[in-house]
């Protein structure tokens, strides 16, 4: 809190039962931070009487204060898990672009991340790579990416592991995002309690979704709203339930520009608002 630190390694630790977070950075300038090979869990313990309404995360990094910045960060090979808390996440990143040097140079790789309201929640991210993680069991989304740009999400497995939890990816008010090689399946019988689809894209510009499976989504497998230059290609959007619950496979709604669906494997009709300007290539 309020520090200037470079070259920090957090390795081989067990960090648990801290009410406001396992690793929390605020109002600070930090460079070359490596968080690797740790067990970071239950850092929102309900037994703590202090700060009952404060949102928390296993890893909480906030650079929104004036002069704060956190760059050159690796989060790799950790187990990061918790219990659901209001406004909480397993990994919470809040960034604000600076005038001298933009935030970024992040890699999040090879972690097992699960059991929170949201698992990975990134606001204002710039230059982030999220690859090769298993991300599971959210009350809302496994991944919420908002107000961010230049983000690569590749080769992750998104799911739930208990019937009371959910799954899904949301890309909101973001641009220049690549999402590929992922699997997301709604394992509920009738649709998730949150009502969210496996993939939601809203108010976005330049989102490329290439290769992946979005299975058993209700009401849609992929739902896109008010977005421009969204490309969906070589993805599978199907329902495997014995009794169909989905309204359709892919929905585009609201005003859009130069959107495209190409070479996708779908087993239900699309709902494509003419105002969304979608080109469909079977």
Protein backbone atom coordinates (compact mmCIF):
# COMPACT_ATOMS: atom_id res chain seq x y z
CA UNK A 1 0.00 0.00 0.00
CA UNK A 2 1.67 3.20 -1.20
CA UNK A 3 5.08 1.70 -2.04
CA UNK A 4 7.64 1.80 -4.86
CA UNK A 5 9.08 -1.69 -5.31
CA UNK A 6 10.92 -3.48 -8.09
CA UNK A 7 11.96 -7.13 -8.45
CA UNK A 8 9.54 -8.95 -6.11
CA UNK A 9 9.21 -12.75 -6.04
CA UNK A 10 6.36 -14.47 -4.16
CA UNK A 11 7.09 -18.18 -4.54
CA UNK A 12 6.26 -21.40 -2.70
CA UNK A 13 3.90 -19.82 -0.17
CA UNK A 14 0.58 -20.78 1.36
CA UNK A 15 -1.48 -17.58 1.75
CA UNK A 16 -4.91 -18.01 3.32
CA UNK A 17 -7.76 -16.53 5.40
CA UNK A 18 -6.95 -12.84 5.00
CA UNK A 19 -10.12 -10.77 4.88
CA UNK A 20 -9.08 -8.19 2.26
CA UNK A 21 -6.94 -10.40 0.05
CA UNK A 22 -4.00 -12.75 -0.02
CA UNK A 23 -1.79 -10.42 -2.07
CA UNK A 24 -3.14 -6.87 -2.35
CA UNK A 25 -1.47 -3.92 -4.08
CA UNK A 26 -2.92 -0.39 -4.00
CA UNK A 27 -1.62 3.16 -4.58
CA UNK A 28 1.80 1.77 -5.55
CA UNK A 29 4.38 1.63 -8.31
CA UNK A 30 5.50 -1.96 -8.82
CA UNK A 31 7.70 -3.53 -11.52
CA UNK A 32 8.91 -7.10 -12.12
CA UNK A 33 6.46 -8.95 -9.90
CA UNK A 34 6.46 -12.75 -10.08
CA UNK A 35 3.72 -14.69 -8.23
CA UNK A 36 4.54 -18.34 -8.92
CA UNK A 37 3.96 -21.74 -7.38
CA UNK A 38 1.74 -20.68 -4.47
CA UNK A 39 -1.44 -21.92 -2.83
CA UNK A 40 -3.56 -18.78 -2.38
CA UNK A 41 -6.99 -19.57 -1.00
CA UNK A 42 -9.99 -18.49 1.10
CA UNK A 43 -8.89 -14.88 1.46
CA UNK A 44 -12.40 -13.70 2.20
CA UNK A 45 -13.04 -15.72 5.34
CA UNK A 46 -16.58 -15.07 6.56
CA UNK A 47 -15.60 -15.47 10.19
CA UNK A 48 -13.79 -12.14 10.16
CA UNK A 49 -16.01 -9.42 11.69
CA UNK A 50 -14.15 -6.49 10.12
CA UNK A 51 -14.94 -5.10 6.66
CA UNK A 52 -18.03 -7.29 6.15
CA UNK A 53 -19.03 -5.58 2.90
CA UNK A 54 -15.61 -4.88 1.36
CA UNK A 55 -14.95 -6.70 -1.94
CA UNK A 56 -11.91 -8.93 -1.89
CA UNK A 57 -9.73 -11.25 -3.96
CA UNK A 58 -6.94 -13.78 -3.53
CA UNK A 59 -4.84 -11.45 -5.69
CA UNK A 60 -6.07 -7.83 -5.82
CA UNK A 61 -4.08 -5.30 -7.85
CA UNK A 62 -5.47 -1.75 -8.12
CA UNK A 63 -3.64 0.97 -10.06
CA UNK A 64 -6.51 3.43 -10.39
CA UNK A 65 -5.04 5.91 -7.90
CA UNK A 66 -3.12 8.80 -9.40
CA UNK A 67 0.52 7.89 -10.04
CA UNK A 68 0.01 4.17 -9.40
CA UNK A 69 1.17 1.53 -11.88
CA UNK A 70 1.93 -2.18 -11.86
CA UNK A 71 3.81 -3.52 -14.90
CA UNK A 72 5.84 -6.60 -15.83
CA UNK A 73 3.81 -9.16 -13.89
CA UNK A 74 3.78 -12.96 -14.03
CA UNK A 75 1.07 -15.00 -12.28
CA UNK A 76 1.90 -18.64 -13.00
CA UNK A 77 1.44 -22.16 -11.64
CA UNK A 78 -0.66 -21.19 -8.62
CA UNK A 79 -3.77 -22.68 -7.06
CA UNK A 80 -6.08 -19.72 -6.46
CA UNK A 81 -9.43 -20.56 -4.90
CA UNK A 82 -11.99 -19.17 -2.48
CA UNK A 83 -15.67 -18.99 -1.57
CA UNK A 84 -18.20 -16.63 -3.11
CA UNK A 85 -18.23 -13.08 -1.73
CA UNK A 86 -20.20 -10.05 -3.02
CA UNK A 87 -18.11 -8.12 -5.53
CA UNK A 88 -15.28 -10.60 -5.08
CA UNK A 89 -12.93 -12.37 -7.46
CA UNK A 90 -10.04 -14.80 -7.29
CA UNK A 91 -7.89 -12.46 -9.40
CA UNK A 92 -8.97 -8.81 -9.58
CA UNK A 93 -7.09 -6.32 -11.78
CA UNK A 94 -8.15 -2.66 -11.87
CA UNK A 95 -6.00 -0.48 -14.09
CA UNK A 96 -6.10 3.10 -15.34
CA UNK A 97 -3.94 4.08 -18.31
CA UNK A 98 -1.27 6.59 -17.36
CA UNK A 99 -0.03 9.53 -19.37
CA UNK A 100 3.64 8.54 -19.24
CA UNK A 101 3.54 4.75 -19.58
CA UNK A 102 0.45 2.60 -20.22
CA UNK A 103 -0.22 -0.37 -17.95
CA UNK A 104 0.46 -3.83 -19.26
CA UNK A 105 3.11 -6.53 -19.76
CA UNK A 106 1.10 -9.12 -17.86
CA UNK A 107 1.07 -12.90 -18.28
CA UNK A 108 -1.32 -15.20 -16.39
CA UNK A 109 -0.47 -18.79 -17.20
CA UNK A 110 -0.98 -22.33 -15.96
CA UNK A 111 -3.06 -21.60 -12.87
CA UNK A 112 -6.03 -23.40 -11.33
CA UNK A 113 -8.48 -20.62 -10.42
CA UNK A 114 -11.92 -21.17 -8.91
CA UNK A 115 -14.93 -20.59 -6.67
CA UNK A 116 -15.83 -16.91 -6.38
CA UNK A 117 -18.46 -14.50 -7.65
CA UNK A 118 -16.10 -13.98 -10.59
CA UNK A 119 -12.88 -15.91 -11.05
CA UNK A 120 -10.83 -13.48 -13.15
CA UNK A 121 -12.10 -9.88 -13.33
CA UNK A 122 -10.08 -7.38 -15.33
CA UNK A 123 -11.05 -3.71 -15.63
CA UNK A 124 -8.99 -1.31 -17.72
CA UNK A 125 -6.45 -3.95 -18.72
CA UNK A 126 -3.94 -3.25 -21.47
CA UNK A 127 -1.52 -5.81 -22.87
CA UNK A 128 -2.54 -8.94 -20.92
CA UNK A 129 -2.06 -12.59 -21.92
CA UNK A 130 -4.26 -15.23 -20.22
CA UNK A 131 -3.27 -18.71 -21.38
CA UNK A 132 -3.42 -22.34 -20.33
CA UNK A 133 -5.47 -21.92 -17.16
CA UNK A 134 -8.25 -24.02 -15.67
CA UNK A 135 -10.85 -21.53 -14.45
CA UNK A 136 -13.92 -22.92 -12.73
CA UNK A 137 -17.06 -22.30 -10.69
CA UNK A 138 -18.30 -18.72 -10.62
CA UNK A 139 -21.51 -17.25 -9.30
CA UNK A 140 -21.38 -15.05 -12.42
CA UNK A 141 -18.53 -15.27 -14.98
CA UNK A 142 -15.30 -17.26 -15.03
CA UNK A 143 -13.80 -14.28 -16.86
CA UNK A 144 -15.10 -10.71 -17.05
CA UNK A 145 -13.02 -8.42 -19.24
CA UNK A 146 -14.23 -4.82 -19.31
CA UNK A 147 -12.87 -1.50 -20.58
CA UNK A 148 -9.72 -3.28 -21.76
CA UNK A 149 -7.68 -3.61 -24.94
CA UNK A 150 -4.89 -5.69 -26.47
CA UNK A 151 -5.79 -8.83 -24.53
CA UNK A 152 -5.11 -12.43 -25.61
CA UNK A 153 -7.18 -15.24 -24.04
CA UNK A 154 -5.99 -18.55 -25.43
CA UNK A 155 -6.17 -22.24 -24.53
CA UNK A 156 -8.12 -21.97 -21.28
CA UNK A 157 -10.69 -24.39 -19.89
CA UNK A 158 -13.73 -22.67 -18.34
CA UNK A 159 -16.25 -24.71 -16.35
CA UNK A 160 -18.07 -25.26 -13.09
CA UNK A 161 -17.47 -28.13 -10.69
CA UNK A 162 -20.55 -28.02 -8.45
CA UNK A 163 -24.24 -27.74 -9.44
CA UNK A 164 -24.75 -24.48 -7.55
CA UNK A 165 -22.08 -22.61 -9.54
CA UNK A 166 -21.82 -21.32 -13.09
CA UNK A 167 -19.45 -20.62 -15.95
CA UNK A 168 -18.92 -18.23 -18.84
CA UNK A 169 -16.85 -15.47 -20.43
CA UNK A 170 -17.89 -11.82 -20.87
CA UNK A 171 -16.12 -9.17 -22.97
CA UNK A 172 -17.61 -5.73 -22.30
CA UNK A 173 -16.62 -2.29 -23.63
CA UNK A 174 -13.31 -3.70 -24.82
CA UNK A 175 -11.40 -3.70 -28.08
CA UNK A 176 -8.70 -5.68 -29.87
CA UNK A 177 -9.33 -8.91 -27.93
CA UNK A 178 -8.45 -12.39 -29.19
CA UNK A 179 -10.26 -15.40 -27.70
CA UNK A 180 -9.42 -18.87 -28.97
CA UNK A 181 -8.93 -22.52 -28.18
CA UNK A 182 -11.30 -22.44 -25.20
CA UNK A 183 -14.10 -24.66 -23.95
CA UNK A 184 -17.14 -23.37 -22.07
CA UNK A 185 -20.12 -25.57 -21.22
CA UNK A 186 -23.25 -24.76 -19.24
CA UNK A 187 -23.66 -27.98 -17.26
CA UNK A 188 -26.98 -27.01 -15.69
CA UNK A 189 -30.19 -28.79 -16.70
CA UNK A 190 -32.28 -25.71 -17.51
CA UNK A 191 -29.82 -22.82 -17.78
CA UNK A 192 -27.61 -21.05 -15.30
CA UNK A 193 -29.08 -19.30 -12.27
CA UNK A 194 -27.29 -16.14 -13.39
CA UNK A 195 -29.04 -16.32 -16.77
CA UNK A 196 -25.71 -15.74 -18.53
CA UNK A 197 -24.59 -17.51 -21.73
CA UNK A 198 -21.22 -19.22 -22.22
CA UNK A 199 -19.95 -16.18 -24.17
CA UNK A 200 -21.27 -12.62 -23.92
CA UNK A 201 -19.86 -9.70 -25.94
CA UNK A 202 -21.25 -6.19 -25.38
CA UNK A 203 -20.28 -2.74 -26.67
CA UNK A 204 -17.02 -4.14 -28.04
CA UNK A 205 -14.85 -3.32 -31.05
CA UNK A 206 -12.47 -5.75 -32.71
CA UNK A 207 -13.07 -9.08 -30.94
CA UNK A 208 -11.76 -12.19 -32.71
CA UNK A 209 -13.20 -15.51 -31.49
CA UNK A 210 -11.44 -18.28 -33.36
CA UNK A 211 -11.63 -21.96 -32.44
CA UNK A 212 -13.50 -23.10 -29.35
CA UNK A 213 -16.59 -24.82 -28.02
CA UNK A 214 -19.54 -23.03 -26.40
CA UNK A 215 -21.88 -25.81 -25.41
CA UNK A 216 -25.40 -25.96 -23.91
CA UNK A 217 -25.84 -22.21 -23.58
CA UNK A 218 -29.23 -20.82 -22.50
CA UNK A 219 -30.81 -18.86 -24.07
CA UNK A 220 -27.89 -18.64 -26.55
CA UNK A 221 -24.41 -20.09 -26.76
CA UNK A 222 -22.94 -16.77 -27.92
CA UNK A 223 -24.74 -13.45 -27.35
CA UNK A 224 -23.36 -10.27 -28.97
CA UNK A 225 -24.84 -6.80 -28.43
CA UNK A 226 -23.99 -3.36 -29.86
CA UNK A 227 -20.58 -4.36 -31.15
CA UNK A 228 -18.35 -3.71 -34.17
CA UNK A 229 -15.81 -5.82 -36.05
CA UNK A 230 -16.62 -9.04 -34.15
CA UNK A 231 -15.43 -12.20 -35.93
CA UNK A 232 -16.70 -15.66 -34.95
CA UNK A 233 -14.92 -18.40 -36.87
CA UNK A 234 -14.43 -22.16 -36.53
CA UNK A 235 -16.30 -22.42 -33.25
CA UNK A 236 -18.77 -25.06 -32.12
CA UNK A 237 -22.05 -23.75 -30.65
CA UNK A 238 -24.28 -26.70 -29.83
CA UNK A 239 -26.74 -28.11 -27.31
CA UNK A 240 -26.46 -31.70 -26.10
CA UNK A 241 -29.32 -31.87 -23.59
CA UNK A 242 -32.00 -34.46 -24.26
CA UNK A 243 -34.60 -31.70 -23.86
CA UNK A 244 -33.65 -28.50 -25.71
CA UNK A 245 -33.47 -25.38 -23.56
CA UNK A 246 -31.69 -23.00 -25.92
CA UNK A 247 -33.53 -20.42 -28.00
CA UNK A 248 -30.75 -20.37 -30.56
CA UNK A 249 -27.03 -20.77 -31.10
CA UNK A 250 -25.79 -17.23 -31.79
CA UNK A 251 -27.52 -13.89 -31.32
CA UNK A 252 -26.43 -10.48 -32.58
CA UNK A 253 -28.58 -7.55 -31.46
CA UNK A 254 -28.47 -3.78 -31.51
CA UNK A 255 -26.48 -1.52 -33.81
CA UNK A 256 -23.23 -2.92 -35.16
CA UNK A 257 -20.74 -2.68 -37.98
CA UNK A 258 -18.81 -5.20 -40.09
CA UNK A 259 -19.52 -8.29 -37.95
CA UNK A 260 -19.03 -11.82 -39.31
CA UNK A 261 -19.85 -15.46 -38.58
CA UNK A 262 -17.75 -17.91 -40.61
CA UNK A 263 -17.39 -21.70 -40.76
CA UNK A 264 -19.04 -22.41 -37.40
CA UNK A 265 -20.59 -25.72 -36.28
CA UNK A 266 -24.06 -24.88 -34.95
CA UNK A 267 -27.19 -26.96 -34.39
CA UNK A 268 -29.82 -24.28 -33.73
CA UNK A 269 -30.92 -21.16 -35.59
CA UNK A 270 -29.25 -17.79 -35.29
CA UNK A 271 -30.97 -14.55 -34.34
CA UNK A 272 -29.25 -11.82 -36.31
CA UNK A 273 -30.60 -8.30 -35.97
CA UNK A 274 -30.25 -6.59 -39.38
CA UNK A 275 -29.03 -3.51 -37.51
CA UNK A 276 -26.05 -5.53 -36.29
CA UNK A 277 -24.62 -5.77 -39.83
CA UNK A 278 -23.60 -9.44 -39.69
CA UNK A 279 -22.20 -11.35 -42.66
CA UNK A 280 -22.86 -15.10 -42.38
CA UNK A 281 -20.61 -17.61 -44.14
CA UNK A 282 -21.80 -21.23 -43.71
